Amino acid sequence: MIAMQYSFTLPADYDMERIDRRIREKGAALDGFARLRFKAYLSARKHPEDGSTAQNLYAPFYLWDEAEGASAFLSHPGFAGVTQSFGWPSVQIWLPWGVRVAEDLHSATFATRTIAPIDPFSDMARIRDALEARVEIARDAGALATVTGFDPTNWKSVDFSLWAEDPEGLGDTCQIYDVGYVAT
């Protein structure tokens, strides 16, 4: 499996309804895409009043069953369309350590993502155990899906979850997104 995300930072005055419309119009296009476990169409609106989101974002998150699925998507006309609309993104890739995906993903309305550095010479087995345990903790808290993993190029971990309701009390190190659609 491979987890993948790219993110576009949009101007502060960007009409985010354009992103919502794009998701409504194009979201289902990836339903049934080969080797795709899910694609969560994510956005975040800048909230200067509470600081919960510093920027307007369009940031889809993918879970692929095999690397060939990610490779096929990144060379697909659909991805070319994204790059023509928003620019050439840096694509983050994580090797999953813990994955749980419920049947009712389409009821997701929020997503959370935490990325943390992995220090040199860290006990990788301990980090893996902790991130694998996060999957069950998130499930018990009501998550519909959770993916944890790591990026061995930049030495960072990821903890991503989909939720039917706004998760509370997650701290300021967590990026919260709105979910516009989940393709499966």
N, C-alpha and C. Protein backbone atom coordinates (compact mmCIF):
# COMPACT_ATOMS: atom_id res chain seq x y z
N MET A 1 0.84 -1.19 0.00
CA MET A 1 0.00 0.00 0.00
C MET A 1 0.88 1.24 0.00
N ILE A 2 0.29 2.32 -0.50
CA ILE A 2 0.95 3.62 -0.50
C ILE A 2 -0.09 4.69 -0.17
N ALA A 3 0.26 5.59 0.74
CA ALA A 3 -0.56 6.77 1.01
C ALA A 3 0.08 7.94 0.28
N MET A 4 -0.75 8.85 -0.21
CA MET A 4 -0.25 9.93 -1.06
C MET A 4 -1.11 11.17 -0.86
N GLN A 5 -0.46 12.33 -0.87
CA GLN A 5 -1.19 13.59 -0.81
C GLN A 5 -0.39 14.68 -1.49
N TYR A 6 -1.10 15.54 -2.18
CA TYR A 6 -0.52 16.79 -2.65
C TYR A 6 -1.45 17.89 -2.20
N SER A 7 -0.91 19.09 -2.07
CA SER A 7 -1.69 20.19 -1.53
C SER A 7 -1.39 21.46 -2.32
N PHE A 8 -2.44 22.19 -2.60
CA PHE A 8 -2.30 23.49 -3.26
C PHE A 8 -2.74 24.56 -2.27
N THR A 9 -1.85 25.51 -2.00
CA THR A 9 -2.20 26.66 -1.19
C THR A 9 -2.80 27.70 -2.12
N LEU A 10 -3.99 28.15 -1.79
CA LEU A 10 -4.72 29.08 -2.63
C LEU A 10 -4.72 30.46 -1.99
N PRO A 11 -4.88 31.53 -2.78
CA PRO A 11 -4.85 32.88 -2.23
C PRO A 11 -5.90 33.08 -1.13
N ALA A 12 -5.63 34.00 -0.22
CA ALA A 12 -6.53 34.26 0.90
C ALA A 12 -7.92 34.68 0.44
N ASP A 13 -8.00 35.35 -0.71
CA ASP A 13 -9.30 35.80 -1.21
C ASP A 13 -9.89 34.85 -2.27
N TYR A 14 -9.33 33.65 -2.39
CA TYR A 14 -9.80 32.69 -3.38
C TYR A 14 -11.23 32.25 -3.04
N ASP A 15 -12.08 32.19 -4.05
CA ASP A 15 -13.46 31.74 -3.86
C ASP A 15 -13.46 30.22 -3.71
N MET A 16 -13.51 29.74 -2.49
CA MET A 16 -13.42 28.31 -2.22
C MET A 16 -14.64 27.55 -2.74
N GLU A 17 -15.70 28.26 -3.09
CA GLU A 17 -16.85 27.60 -3.73
C GLU A 17 -16.42 26.98 -5.06
N ARG A 18 -15.40 27.54 -5.69
CA ARG A 18 -14.88 26.95 -6.94
C ARG A 18 -14.32 25.55 -6.67
N ILE A 19 -13.66 25.38 -5.54
CA ILE A 19 -13.13 24.06 -5.17
C ILE A 19 -14.29 23.11 -4.87
N ASP A 20 -15.27 23.59 -4.11
CA ASP A 20 -16.44 22.76 -3.80
C ASP A 20 -17.14 22.30 -5.08
N ARG A 21 -17.29 23.20 -6.03
CA ARG A 21 -17.94 22.88 -7.30
C ARG A 21 -17.11 21.86 -8.08
N ARG A 22 -15.80 22.06 -8.12
CA ARG A 22 -14.92 21.12 -8.82
C ARG A 22 -15.06 19.71 -8.23
N ILE A 23 -15.10 19.63 -6.92
CA ILE A 23 -15.24 18.33 -6.26
C ILE A 23 -16.59 17.71 -6.62
N ARG A 24 -17.66 18.50 -6.57
CA ARG A 24 -18.99 17.97 -6.91
C ARG A 24 -19.03 17.46 -8.35
N GLU A 25 -18.39 18.19 -9.26
CA GLU A 25 -18.45 17.85 -10.68
C GLU A 25 -17.50 16.71 -11.06
N LYS A 26 -16.35 16.61 -10.40
CA LYS A 26 -15.33 15.65 -10.83
C LYS A 26 -15.05 14.54 -9.83
N GLY A 27 -15.60 14.62 -8.64
CA GLY A 27 -15.26 13.66 -7.59
C GLY A 27 -15.52 12.22 -7.96
N ALA A 28 -16.66 11.95 -8.55
CA ALA A 28 -17.01 10.55 -8.86
C ALA A 28 -16.18 9.97 -9.99
N ALA A 29 -15.42 10.80 -10.70
CA ALA A 29 -14.63 10.30 -11.83
C ALA A 29 -13.62 9.24 -11.41
N LEU A 30 -13.19 9.26 -10.16
CA LEU A 30 -12.20 8.26 -9.72
C LEU A 30 -12.83 7.05 -9.04
N ASP A 31 -14.14 7.02 -8.90
CA ASP A 31 -14.77 5.81 -8.38
C ASP A 31 -14.40 4.64 -9.29
N GLY A 32 -13.90 3.57 -8.71
CA GLY A 32 -13.53 2.39 -9.49
C GLY A 32 -12.16 2.46 -10.13
N PHE A 33 -11.37 3.50 -9.87
CA PHE A 33 -10.02 3.60 -10.44
C PHE A 33 -9.19 2.42 -9.92
N ALA A 34 -8.49 1.77 -10.83
CA ALA A 34 -7.73 0.56 -10.49
C ALA A 34 -6.75 0.80 -9.34
N ARG A 35 -6.80 -0.08 -8.37
CA ARG A 35 -5.89 -0.12 -7.22
C ARG A 35 -6.09 1.02 -6.22
N LEU A 36 -7.16 1.82 -6.38
CA LEU A 36 -7.45 2.90 -5.45
C LEU A 36 -8.32 2.37 -4.32
N ARG A 37 -7.83 2.46 -3.10
CA ARG A 37 -8.66 2.10 -1.94
C ARG A 37 -9.63 3.26 -1.67
N PHE A 38 -9.08 4.50 -1.61
CA PHE A 38 -9.95 5.67 -1.55
C PHE A 38 -9.17 6.92 -1.90
N LYS A 39 -9.92 7.92 -2.36
CA LYS A 39 -9.40 9.28 -2.52
C LYS A 39 -10.36 10.18 -1.77
N ALA A 40 -9.84 10.91 -0.81
CA ALA A 40 -10.64 11.90 -0.08
C ALA A 40 -10.35 13.27 -0.68
N TYR A 41 -11.38 13.88 -1.23
CA TYR A 41 -11.26 15.23 -1.79
C TYR A 41 -11.36 16.21 -0.63
N LEU A 42 -10.26 16.86 -0.31
CA LEU A 42 -10.16 17.67 0.90
C LEU A 42 -9.93 19.14 0.57
N SER A 43 -10.52 19.99 1.40
CA SER A 43 -10.26 21.42 1.31
C SER A 43 -10.26 21.99 2.72
N ALA A 44 -9.65 23.14 2.85
CA ALA A 44 -9.65 23.85 4.13
C ALA A 44 -9.75 25.34 3.82
N ARG A 45 -10.57 26.01 4.60
CA ARG A 45 -10.75 27.45 4.43
C ARG A 45 -9.99 28.18 5.52
N LYS A 46 -9.36 29.27 5.13
CA LYS A 46 -8.61 30.08 6.08
C LYS A 46 -9.57 30.61 7.15
N HIS A 47 -9.17 30.44 8.41
CA HIS A 47 -9.96 30.92 9.54
C HIS A 47 -9.08 31.83 10.40
N PRO A 48 -8.92 33.09 9.99
CA PRO A 48 -8.03 33.97 10.76
C PRO A 48 -8.54 34.25 12.18
N GLU A 49 -9.86 34.15 12.38
CA GLU A 49 -10.40 34.49 13.70
C GLU A 49 -9.97 33.51 14.79
N ASP A 50 -9.82 32.23 14.45
CA ASP A 50 -9.41 31.27 15.48
C ASP A 50 -8.07 30.60 15.17
N GLY A 51 -7.51 30.86 13.99
CA GLY A 51 -6.21 30.32 13.64
C GLY A 51 -6.20 28.83 13.36
N SER A 52 -7.38 28.21 13.25
CA SER A 52 -7.42 26.76 13.05
C SER A 52 -6.87 26.34 11.70
N THR A 53 -7.02 27.18 10.70
CA THR A 53 -6.43 26.92 9.39
C THR A 53 -5.82 28.22 8.90
N ALA A 54 -4.54 28.19 8.63
CA ALA A 54 -3.81 29.41 8.26
C ALA A 54 -4.01 29.81 6.81
N GLN A 55 -4.37 28.83 5.94
CA GLN A 55 -4.44 29.10 4.50
C GLN A 55 -5.62 28.37 3.89
N ASN A 56 -6.06 28.87 2.72
CA ASN A 56 -7.02 28.13 1.90
C ASN A 56 -6.26 27.00 1.21
N LEU A 57 -6.79 25.79 1.29
CA LEU A 57 -6.10 24.62 0.73
C LEU A 57 -7.04 23.74 -0.08
N TYR A 58 -6.48 23.14 -1.13
CA TYR A 58 -7.10 22.01 -1.82
C TYR A 58 -6.07 20.90 -1.72
N ALA A 59 -6.40 19.79 -1.05
CA ALA A 59 -5.36 18.82 -0.67
C ALA A 59 -5.88 17.38 -0.67
N PRO A 60 -6.13 16.78 -1.82
CA PRO A 60 -6.63 15.40 -1.85
C PRO A 60 -5.66 14.41 -1.20
N PHE A 61 -6.23 13.40 -0.55
CA PHE A 61 -5.45 12.34 0.10
C PHE A 61 -5.89 11.01 -0.50
N TYR A 62 -4.91 10.16 -0.84
CA TYR A 62 -5.17 8.89 -1.50
C TYR A 62 -4.60 7.74 -0.69
N LEU A 63 -5.27 6.61 -0.75
CA LEU A 63 -4.70 5.35 -0.28
C LEU A 63 -4.78 4.37 -1.43
N TRP A 64 -3.61 3.91 -1.87
CA TRP A 64 -3.50 2.98 -2.99
C TRP A 64 -3.20 1.59 -2.48
N ASP A 65 -3.82 0.58 -3.09
CA ASP A 65 -3.53 -0.80 -2.73
C ASP A 65 -2.14 -1.23 -3.21
N GLU A 66 -1.70 -0.64 -4.32
CA GLU A 66 -0.39 -0.97 -4.90
C GLU A 66 0.22 0.28 -5.51
N ALA A 67 1.54 0.31 -5.60
CA ALA A 67 2.25 1.45 -6.19
C ALA A 67 1.82 1.71 -7.63
N GLU A 68 1.47 0.65 -8.35
CA GLU A 68 1.07 0.82 -9.76
C GLU A 68 -0.15 1.72 -9.89
N GLY A 69 -1.03 1.72 -8.91
CA GLY A 69 -2.20 2.60 -8.95
C GLY A 69 -1.80 4.06 -8.88
N ALA A 70 -0.90 4.39 -7.96
CA ALA A 70 -0.42 5.77 -7.84
C ALA A 70 0.30 6.19 -9.11
N SER A 71 1.12 5.30 -9.65
CA SER A 71 1.86 5.59 -10.87
C SER A 71 0.90 5.84 -12.03
N ALA A 72 -0.12 4.99 -12.15
CA ALA A 72 -1.11 5.16 -13.23
C ALA A 72 -1.85 6.48 -13.08
N PHE A 73 -2.21 6.84 -11.85
CA PHE A 73 -2.93 8.10 -11.64
C PHE A 73 -2.07 9.30 -11.99
N LEU A 74 -0.81 9.30 -11.54
CA LEU A 74 0.05 10.45 -11.78
C LEU A 74 0.39 10.65 -13.26
N SER A 75 0.13 9.64 -14.09
CA SER A 75 0.33 9.78 -15.54
C SER A 75 -1.01 9.80 -16.28
N HIS A 76 -2.10 9.98 -15.55
CA HIS A 76 -3.46 9.96 -16.08
C HIS A 76 -3.90 11.38 -16.49
N PRO A 77 -4.77 11.50 -17.48
CA PRO A 77 -5.28 12.83 -17.87
C PRO A 77 -5.96 13.58 -16.73
N GLY A 78 -6.54 12.87 -15.77
CA GLY A 78 -7.17 13.55 -14.64
C GLY A 78 -6.16 14.33 -13.81
N PHE A 79 -4.99 13.73 -13.57
CA PHE A 79 -3.96 14.45 -12.84
C PHE A 79 -3.40 15.59 -13.68
N ALA A 80 -3.27 15.37 -14.98
CA ALA A 80 -2.81 16.45 -15.86
C ALA A 80 -3.76 17.64 -15.77
N GLY A 81 -5.06 17.38 -15.67
CA GLY A 81 -6.03 18.46 -15.53
C GLY A 81 -5.85 19.23 -14.23
N VAL A 82 -5.54 18.52 -13.16
CA VAL A 82 -5.28 19.19 -11.87
C VAL A 82 -4.07 20.11 -12.00
N THR A 83 -3.01 19.61 -12.63
CA THR A 83 -1.80 20.43 -12.75
C THR A 83 -2.03 21.64 -13.65
N GLN A 84 -2.87 21.49 -14.67
CA GLN A 84 -3.18 22.63 -15.54
C GLN A 84 -4.00 23.69 -14.80
N SER A 85 -4.82 23.25 -13.86
CA SER A 85 -5.65 24.19 -13.10
C SER A 85 -4.91 24.84 -11.94
N PHE A 86 -4.02 24.09 -11.28
CA PHE A 86 -3.45 24.58 -10.02
C PHE A 86 -1.93 24.64 -9.99
N GLY A 87 -1.25 24.05 -10.95
CA GLY A 87 0.21 24.04 -10.94
C GLY A 87 0.76 22.65 -10.66
N TRP A 88 2.07 22.56 -10.63
CA TRP A 88 2.78 21.29 -10.47
C TRP A 88 3.07 21.06 -8.99
N PRO A 89 2.40 20.09 -8.36
CA PRO A 89 2.58 19.93 -6.92
C PRO A 89 3.75 19.03 -6.54
N SER A 90 4.17 19.19 -5.33
CA SER A 90 5.05 18.21 -4.71
C SER A 90 4.13 17.14 -4.12
N VAL A 91 4.37 15.89 -4.48
CA VAL A 91 3.51 14.79 -4.03
C VAL A 91 4.18 14.10 -2.85
N GLN A 92 3.51 14.10 -1.71
CA GLN A 92 4.02 13.42 -0.53
C GLN A 92 3.60 11.95 -0.59
N ILE A 93 4.53 11.07 -0.26
CA ILE A 93 4.28 9.63 -0.28
C ILE A 93 4.67 9.07 1.09
N TRP A 94 3.81 8.21 1.62
CA TRP A 94 4.10 7.54 2.89
C TRP A 94 3.90 6.04 2.72
N LEU A 95 4.74 5.27 3.37
CA LEU A 95 4.57 3.82 3.44
C LEU A 95 3.70 3.54 4.66
N PRO A 96 2.53 2.97 4.47
CA PRO A 96 1.61 2.76 5.60
C PRO A 96 2.12 1.75 6.61
N TRP A 97 1.86 2.05 7.87
CA TRP A 97 2.13 1.15 8.97
C TRP A 97 0.83 0.60 9.54
N GLY A 98 -0.17 1.44 9.62
CA GLY A 98 -1.46 1.02 10.14
C GLY A 98 -2.56 1.54 9.24
N VAL A 99 -3.50 0.67 8.87
CA VAL A 99 -4.61 1.07 7.99
C VAL A 99 -5.89 0.41 8.49
N ARG A 100 -6.92 1.20 8.58
CA ARG A 100 -8.26 0.70 8.84
C ARG A 100 -9.22 1.54 8.02
N VAL A 101 -10.05 0.88 7.22
CA VAL A 101 -11.01 1.57 6.36
C VAL A 101 -12.37 0.93 6.58
N ALA A 102 -13.35 1.71 7.05
CA ALA A 102 -14.70 1.21 7.27
C ALA A 102 -15.47 1.20 5.95
N GLU A 103 -16.61 0.54 5.96
CA GLU A 103 -17.44 0.45 4.75
C GLU A 103 -18.12 1.78 4.41
N ASP A 104 -18.44 2.59 5.41
CA ASP A 104 -19.26 3.79 5.19
C ASP A 104 -18.42 5.06 5.02
N LEU A 105 -17.39 4.98 4.20
CA LEU A 105 -16.52 6.14 3.97
C LEU A 105 -17.27 7.35 3.42
N HIS A 106 -18.33 7.10 2.66
CA HIS A 106 -19.04 8.20 2.02
C HIS A 106 -19.74 9.12 3.01
N SER A 107 -19.81 8.72 4.27
CA SER A 107 -20.40 9.61 5.28
C SER A 107 -19.36 10.53 5.91
N ALA A 108 -18.12 10.46 5.45
CA ALA A 108 -17.07 11.34 5.99
C ALA A 108 -17.34 12.80 5.63
N THR A 109 -17.21 13.68 6.61
CA THR A 109 -17.36 15.11 6.38
C THR A 109 -16.12 15.90 6.81
N PHE A 110 -15.28 15.29 7.64
CA PHE A 110 -14.05 15.93 8.09
C PHE A 110 -12.89 14.95 7.97
N ALA A 111 -11.69 15.52 7.83
CA ALA A 111 -10.46 14.73 7.85
C ALA A 111 -9.46 15.45 8.73
N THR A 112 -8.58 14.67 9.34
CA THR A 112 -7.49 15.24 10.13
C THR A 112 -6.18 14.62 9.65
N ARG A 113 -5.14 15.44 9.69
CA ARG A 113 -3.82 14.95 9.31
C ARG A 113 -2.77 15.60 10.19
N THR A 114 -1.93 14.75 10.76
CA THR A 114 -0.80 15.23 11.55
C THR A 114 0.47 14.66 10.93
N ILE A 115 1.41 15.52 10.65
CA ILE A 115 2.73 15.11 10.16
C ILE A 115 3.74 15.49 11.24
N ALA A 116 4.59 14.54 11.60
CA ALA A 116 5.58 14.79 12.64
C ALA A 116 6.95 14.34 12.17
N PRO A 117 8.01 15.06 12.57
CA PRO A 117 9.36 14.64 12.19
C PRO A 117 9.76 13.37 12.93
N ILE A 118 10.59 12.59 12.28
CA ILE A 118 11.22 11.43 12.91
C ILE A 118 12.70 11.77 13.06
N ASP A 119 13.14 11.87 14.29
CA ASP A 119 14.53 12.26 14.55
C ASP A 119 15.51 11.18 14.11
N PRO A 120 16.73 11.59 13.72
CA PRO A 120 17.76 10.60 13.37
C PRO A 120 17.99 9.63 14.53
N PHE A 121 18.23 8.40 14.17
CA PHE A 121 18.53 7.32 15.12
C PHE A 121 17.37 7.00 16.06
N SER A 122 16.16 7.36 15.64
CA SER A 122 14.97 7.03 16.43
C SER A 122 14.76 5.53 16.47
N ASP A 123 14.07 5.08 17.48
CA ASP A 123 13.68 3.67 17.58
C ASP A 123 12.47 3.49 16.67
N MET A 124 12.72 3.05 15.44
CA MET A 124 11.67 2.96 14.43
C MET A 124 10.61 1.93 14.81
N ALA A 125 10.98 0.87 15.49
CA ALA A 125 10.00 -0.13 15.92
C ALA A 125 9.02 0.49 16.92
N ARG A 126 9.53 1.30 17.82
CA ARG A 126 8.68 1.97 18.81
C ARG A 126 7.73 2.94 18.12
N ILE A 127 8.24 3.71 17.16
CA ILE A 127 7.40 4.66 16.43
C ILE A 127 6.33 3.91 15.64
N ARG A 128 6.74 2.82 15.01
CA ARG A 128 5.76 2.02 14.25
C ARG A 128 4.67 1.48 15.18
N ASP A 129 5.05 0.93 16.31
CA ASP A 129 4.06 0.40 17.26
C ASP A 129 3.08 1.49 17.69
N ALA A 130 3.61 2.68 17.97
CA ALA A 130 2.74 3.79 18.41
C ALA A 130 1.77 4.21 17.31
N LEU A 131 2.26 4.26 16.07
CA LEU A 131 1.38 4.66 14.97
C LEU A 131 0.38 3.56 14.63
N GLU A 132 0.77 2.31 14.75
CA GLU A 132 -0.20 1.23 14.55
C GLU A 132 -1.28 1.28 15.62
N ALA A 133 -0.91 1.61 16.85
CA ALA A 133 -1.89 1.73 17.94
C ALA A 133 -2.85 2.89 17.70
N ARG A 134 -2.39 3.93 17.03
CA ARG A 134 -3.25 5.08 16.73
C ARG A 134 -4.47 4.69 15.90
N VAL A 135 -4.33 3.66 15.08
CA VAL A 135 -5.45 3.22 14.23
C VAL A 135 -6.62 2.79 15.11
N GLU A 136 -6.34 2.01 16.14
CA GLU A 136 -7.42 1.54 17.03
C GLU A 136 -7.94 2.66 17.91
N ILE A 137 -7.06 3.55 18.34
CA ILE A 137 -7.49 4.70 19.15
C ILE A 137 -8.44 5.57 18.33
N ALA A 138 -8.10 5.81 17.08
CA ALA A 138 -8.97 6.62 16.21
C ALA A 138 -10.29 5.90 15.96
N ARG A 139 -10.24 4.59 15.75
CA ARG A 139 -11.49 3.83 15.55
C ARG A 139 -12.39 3.98 16.77
N ASP A 140 -11.82 3.84 17.96
CA ASP A 140 -12.61 3.95 19.18
C ASP A 140 -13.18 5.36 19.36
N ALA A 141 -12.52 6.36 18.77
CA ALA A 141 -13.00 7.74 18.83
C ALA A 141 -14.00 8.05 17.73
N GLY A 142 -14.25 7.07 16.84
CA GLY A 142 -15.27 7.27 15.80
C GLY A 142 -14.75 7.47 14.40
N ALA A 143 -13.46 7.32 14.17
CA ALA A 143 -12.92 7.51 12.81
C ALA A 143 -13.47 6.45 11.86
N LEU A 144 -13.78 6.88 10.64
CA LEU A 144 -14.25 5.97 9.60
C LEU A 144 -13.08 5.29 8.90
N ALA A 145 -11.96 5.96 8.86
CA ALA A 145 -10.74 5.42 8.26
C ALA A 145 -9.55 6.08 8.93
N THR A 146 -8.48 5.33 9.07
CA THR A 146 -7.23 5.88 9.58
C THR A 146 -6.08 5.23 8.83
N VAL A 147 -5.13 6.07 8.45
CA VAL A 147 -3.91 5.62 7.80
C VAL A 147 -2.74 6.25 8.55
N THR A 148 -1.83 5.43 9.03
CA THR A 148 -0.60 5.94 9.62
C THR A 148 0.57 5.36 8.84
N GLY A 149 1.65 6.09 8.80
CA GLY A 149 2.81 5.60 8.07
C GLY A 149 3.97 6.56 8.18
N PHE A 150 4.96 6.34 7.31
CA PHE A 150 6.15 7.19 7.37
C PHE A 150 6.73 7.41 5.98
N ASP A 151 7.47 8.49 5.88
CA ASP A 151 8.19 8.87 4.67
C ASP A 151 9.68 8.71 4.97
N PRO A 152 10.34 7.69 4.41
CA PRO A 152 11.75 7.46 4.73
C PRO A 152 12.71 8.36 3.96
N THR A 153 12.21 9.20 3.08
CA THR A 153 13.08 10.16 2.40
C THR A 153 13.26 11.40 3.25
N ASN A 154 12.15 11.91 3.79
CA ASN A 154 12.19 13.13 4.60
C ASN A 154 12.07 12.84 6.10
N TRP A 155 11.94 11.58 6.46
CA TRP A 155 11.82 11.13 7.84
C TRP A 155 10.73 11.88 8.59
N LYS A 156 9.50 11.61 8.13
CA LYS A 156 8.31 12.17 8.77
C LYS A 156 7.25 11.08 8.87
N SER A 157 6.44 11.18 9.91
CA SER A 157 5.32 10.25 10.05
C SER A 157 4.03 10.99 9.70
N VAL A 158 3.00 10.22 9.36
CA VAL A 158 1.68 10.77 9.08
C VAL A 158 0.64 10.00 9.87
N ASP A 159 -0.36 10.72 10.32
CA ASP A 159 -1.52 10.14 11.00
C ASP A 159 -2.73 10.83 10.38
N PHE A 160 -3.47 10.11 9.53
CA PHE A 160 -4.59 10.67 8.78
C PHE A 160 -5.86 9.91 9.13
N SER A 161 -6.96 10.65 9.35
CA SER A 161 -8.24 9.99 9.63
C SER A 161 -9.38 10.72 8.95
N LEU A 162 -10.41 9.95 8.60
CA LEU A 162 -11.68 10.48 8.10
C LEU A 162 -12.73 10.33 9.19
N TRP A 163 -13.59 11.34 9.32
CA TRP A 163 -14.58 11.39 10.40
C TRP A 163 -15.95 11.77 9.84
N ALA A 164 -17.01 11.23 10.41
CA ALA A 164 -18.37 11.62 10.04
C ALA A 164 -18.75 12.94 10.70
N GLU A 165 -18.15 13.23 11.86
CA GLU A 165 -18.44 14.45 12.60
C GLU A 165 -17.14 15.16 12.93
N ASP A 166 -17.26 16.45 13.20
CA ASP A 166 -16.10 17.27 13.53
C ASP A 166 -15.41 16.72 14.78
N PRO A 167 -14.17 16.25 14.64
CA PRO A 167 -13.45 15.75 15.82
C PRO A 167 -13.01 16.93 16.69
N GLU A 168 -13.08 16.77 17.97
CA GLU A 168 -12.77 17.86 18.88
C GLU A 168 -11.53 17.54 19.70
N GLY A 169 -10.86 18.58 20.16
CA GLY A 169 -9.75 18.41 21.08
C GLY A 169 -8.51 17.78 20.48
N LEU A 170 -8.21 18.08 19.22
CA LEU A 170 -7.07 17.44 18.57
C LEU A 170 -5.79 18.26 18.65
N GLY A 171 -5.85 19.45 19.20
CA GLY A 171 -4.64 20.24 19.33
C GLY A 171 -4.33 21.05 18.09
N ASP A 172 -3.32 21.90 18.20
CA ASP A 172 -3.01 22.82 17.11
C ASP A 172 -1.98 22.27 16.13
N THR A 173 -1.52 21.04 16.31
CA THR A 173 -0.57 20.45 15.36
C THR A 173 -1.28 19.64 14.28
N CYS A 174 -2.60 19.61 14.33
CA CYS A 174 -3.39 18.80 13.41
C CYS A 174 -4.05 19.70 12.37
N GLN A 175 -3.92 19.35 11.09
CA GLN A 175 -4.63 20.05 10.03
C GLN A 175 -6.01 19.41 9.90
N ILE A 176 -7.05 20.22 9.95
CA ILE A 176 -8.42 19.73 9.79
C ILE A 176 -8.91 20.17 8.42
N TYR A 177 -9.52 19.23 7.71
CA TYR A 177 -10.05 19.48 6.37
C TYR A 177 -11.55 19.19 6.33
N ASP A 178 -12.22 19.84 5.39
CA ASP A 178 -13.58 19.45 5.01
C ASP A 178 -13.45 18.38 3.93
N VAL A 179 -14.32 17.38 3.98
CA VAL A 179 -14.34 16.33 2.97
C VAL A 179 -15.49 16.62 2.02
N GLY A 180 -15.16 16.82 0.73
CA GLY A 180 -16.19 17.08 -0.26
C GLY A 180 -16.75 15.82 -0.89
N TYR A 181 -15.91 14.78 -0.99
CA TYR A 181 -16.32 13.52 -1.60
C TYR A 181 -15.24 12.49 -1.30
N VAL A 182 -15.65 11.23 -1.22
CA VAL A 182 -14.68 10.14 -1.09
C VAL A 182 -14.92 9.17 -2.23
N ALA A 183 -13.94 9.06 -3.12
CA ALA A 183 -14.01 8.11 -4.23
C ALA A 183 -13.46 6.77 -3.76
N THR A 184 -14.10 5.69 -4.19
CA THR A 184 -13.64 4.36 -3.81
C THR A 184 -13.59 3.45 -5.03
